[in-house]
Amino acid sequence: MVAELMGAYMAEIGAFGVEAEQIGRREGNPDRG
């Protein structure tokens, strides 16, 4: 049960990190993400 919650949580954080990185690159800010 806990492992499933942690897996979903990490997957969501990972997707957010990738999205933030793409936004940072598009805005020309390599420090973001």
N, C-alpha and C. Protein backbone atom coordinates (compact mmCIF):
# COMPACT_ATOMS: atom_id res chain seq x y z
N MET A 1 0.84 -1.21 0.00
CA MET A 1 0.00 0.00 0.00
C MET A 1 0.87 1.25 0.00
N VAL A 2 1.78 1.30 0.95
CA VAL A 2 2.66 2.47 1.04
C VAL A 2 3.53 2.58 -0.20
N ALA A 3 4.02 1.44 -0.69
CA ALA A 3 4.88 1.45 -1.87
C ALA A 3 4.13 2.02 -3.08
N GLU A 4 2.85 1.68 -3.20
CA GLU A 4 2.06 2.19 -4.32
C GLU A 4 1.90 3.70 -4.23
N LEU A 5 1.63 4.18 -3.02
CA LEU A 5 1.48 5.62 -2.83
C LEU A 5 2.79 6.33 -3.15
N MET A 6 3.90 5.80 -2.66
CA MET A 6 5.21 6.42 -2.91
C MET A 6 5.53 6.38 -4.40
N GLY A 7 5.19 5.30 -5.07
CA GLY A 7 5.44 5.19 -6.51
C GLY A 7 4.67 6.25 -7.28
N ALA A 8 3.40 6.42 -6.94
CA ALA A 8 2.59 7.43 -7.62
C ALA A 8 3.12 8.83 -7.31
N TYR A 9 3.54 9.02 -6.07
CA TYR A 9 4.07 10.33 -5.66
C TYR A 9 5.35 10.66 -6.43
N MET A 10 6.25 9.70 -6.50
CA MET A 10 7.52 9.92 -7.21
C MET A 10 7.28 10.15 -8.70
N ALA A 11 6.32 9.42 -9.26
CA ALA A 11 6.01 9.59 -10.68
C ALA A 11 5.48 10.99 -10.94
N GLU A 12 4.64 11.49 -10.02
CA GLU A 12 4.08 12.83 -10.19
C GLU A 12 5.18 13.87 -10.06
N ILE A 13 6.03 13.70 -9.07
CA ILE A 13 7.15 14.64 -8.87
C ILE A 13 8.08 14.61 -10.09
N GLY A 14 8.34 13.42 -10.60
CA GLY A 14 9.22 13.28 -11.76
C GLY A 14 8.65 14.02 -12.97
N ALA A 15 7.35 13.85 -13.21
CA ALA A 15 6.72 14.52 -14.34
C ALA A 15 6.78 16.03 -14.15
N PHE A 16 6.57 16.48 -12.92
CA PHE A 16 6.62 17.92 -12.65
C PHE A 16 8.03 18.45 -12.88
N GLY A 17 9.04 17.68 -12.49
CA GLY A 17 10.42 18.10 -12.67
C GLY A 17 10.75 18.25 -14.15
N VAL A 18 10.31 17.29 -14.96
CA VAL A 18 10.57 17.35 -16.40
C VAL A 18 9.87 18.57 -17.00
N GLU A 19 8.63 18.81 -16.58
CA GLU A 19 7.88 19.95 -17.11
C GLU A 19 8.56 21.26 -16.72
N ALA A 20 9.00 21.36 -15.48
CA ALA A 20 9.68 22.57 -15.00
C ALA A 20 10.98 22.79 -15.77
N GLU A 21 11.68 21.69 -16.05
CA GLU A 21 12.95 21.80 -16.79
C GLU A 21 12.70 22.32 -18.20
N GLN A 22 11.65 21.81 -18.84
CA GLN A 22 11.32 22.26 -20.19
C GLN A 22 10.93 23.73 -20.19
N ILE A 23 10.16 24.16 -19.20
CA ILE A 23 9.76 25.56 -19.08
C ILE A 23 11.00 26.42 -18.87
N GLY A 24 11.91 25.96 -18.01
CA GLY A 24 13.13 26.71 -17.74
C GLY A 24 13.96 26.89 -19.00
N ARG A 25 14.08 25.84 -19.79
CA ARG A 25 14.86 25.94 -21.03
C ARG A 25 14.19 26.90 -22.00
N ARG A 26 12.86 26.82 -22.09
CA ARG A 26 12.13 27.68 -23.02
C ARG A 26 12.28 29.15 -22.63
N GLU A 27 12.35 29.41 -21.32
CA GLU A 27 12.49 30.78 -20.85
C GLU A 27 13.95 31.21 -20.80
N GLY A 28 14.85 30.27 -21.11
CA GLY A 28 16.27 30.60 -21.12
C GLY A 28 16.84 30.71 -19.72
N ASN A 29 16.25 29.96 -18.76
CA ASN A 29 16.75 30.00 -17.38
C ASN A 29 17.19 28.60 -16.99
N PRO A 30 18.48 28.27 -17.15
CA PRO A 30 18.96 26.92 -16.88
C PRO A 30 18.95 26.55 -15.41
N ASP A 31 18.78 27.54 -14.52
CA ASP A 31 18.80 27.25 -13.08
C ASP A 31 17.48 26.65 -12.61
N ARG A 32 16.41 26.91 -13.35
CA ARG A 32 15.11 26.39 -12.91
C ARG A 32 15.01 24.90 -13.23
N GLY A 33 14.26 24.17 -12.40
CA GLY A 33 14.08 22.75 -12.64
C GLY A 33 15.15 21.96 -11.95
